[in-house]
Protein backbone atom coordinates (compact mmCIF):
# COMPACT_ATOMS: atom_id res chain seq x y z
CA MET A 1 144.07 244.61 115.79
CA GLY A 2 142.43 247.14 118.13
CA SER A 3 139.49 246.81 120.38
CA MET A 4 137.41 249.29 122.33
CA ASP A 5 137.49 249.35 126.09
CA ALA A 6 136.79 251.98 128.76
CA SER A 7 140.14 253.80 128.03
CA THR A 8 139.32 254.06 124.34
CA THR A 9 136.36 256.39 125.06
CA LEU A 10 138.91 259.13 125.73
CA TRP A 11 140.23 258.86 122.15
CA LEU A 12 136.99 258.72 120.16
CA SER A 13 136.68 261.06 117.19
CA TYR A 14 134.33 264.02 117.26
CA LYS A 15 132.53 264.88 114.07
CA LYS A 16 130.15 267.84 114.05
CA GLY A 17 129.74 267.56 117.82
CA LYS A 18 129.08 263.75 117.65
CA THR A 19 131.26 261.03 119.12
CA MET A 20 132.34 258.59 116.39
CA VAL A 21 134.11 255.22 116.33
CA TYR A 22 135.26 253.19 113.35
CA ILE A 23 134.64 249.48 113.17
CA LEU A 24 136.74 247.24 110.86
CA ILE A 25 134.69 244.30 109.58
CA TRP A 26 135.12 241.42 107.21
CA MET A 27 131.96 240.38 105.29
CA GLN A 28 131.03 237.60 102.91
CA LEU A 29 127.80 237.46 100.90
CA PHE A 30 126.91 234.59 98.61
CA SER A 31 123.57 234.57 96.75
CA GLY A 32 120.91 232.69 98.69
CA GLN A 33 122.88 232.60 101.90
CA SER A 34 123.05 234.72 104.96
CA VAL A 35 125.79 237.38 105.38
CA GLU A 36 128.79 236.13 107.31
CA HIS A 37 130.74 238.82 109.11
CA TYR A 38 133.36 239.33 111.75
CA GLN A 39 134.30 242.45 113.65
CA LEU A 40 138.09 242.71 113.38
CA GLY A 41 138.62 245.83 115.42
CA THR A 42 137.38 249.14 116.74
CA TYR A 43 139.33 252.34 116.23
CA ALA A 44 139.11 255.95 117.40
CA THR A 45 140.01 257.42 113.98
CA LEU A 46 139.25 256.61 110.36
CA GLU A 47 142.96 256.74 109.63
CA GLU A 48 143.76 253.98 112.19
CA CYS A 49 141.00 251.84 110.79
CA GLN A 50 142.19 252.28 107.22
CA ILE A 51 145.74 251.31 108.20
CA GLU A 52 144.44 248.08 109.74
CA MET A 53 142.09 247.56 106.78
CA SER A 54 145.09 247.50 104.48
CA ALA A 55 146.65 244.74 106.53
CA ALA A 56 143.30 242.88 106.68
CA ALA A 57 142.84 243.01 102.92
CA LYS A 58 144.75 239.66 102.60
CA MET A 59 141.70 238.02 104.23
CA VAL A 60 139.69 238.67 101.07
CA THR A 61 140.06 235.61 98.86
CA HIS A 62 136.85 235.77 96.82
CA LYS A 63 134.89 238.53 95.00
CA ALA A 64 131.98 237.98 97.48
CA GLU A 65 134.18 239.06 100.36
CA THR A 66 135.26 242.48 101.58
CA VAL A 67 136.80 244.30 104.48
CA SER A 68 135.52 247.75 105.34
CA CYS A 69 135.62 250.52 107.95
CA LEU A 70 132.21 251.52 109.22
CA GLU A 71 131.66 254.91 110.86
CA VAL A 72 129.40 254.55 113.91
CA GLU A 73 127.99 257.24 116.10
CA VAL A 74 128.40 256.50 119.81
CA GLN A 75 125.38 257.39 121.93
CA ARG A 76 126.02 258.40 125.52
């Protein structure tokens, strides 16, 4: 899975003049407990993130779990 480093900043997506990055996360939420989550990767495009999300879907083994791509604006 991908990760962001100094070279990745050259590939970041631009959306309406903003620099965007996509973070693939796995989350688990059971009632009465805190949210468990892990960052699985950071991607320059939504398409890259979605490809990896398809592969990561096998990590979901319960209805209280999910994997998702989050769009994040990078501030410079």
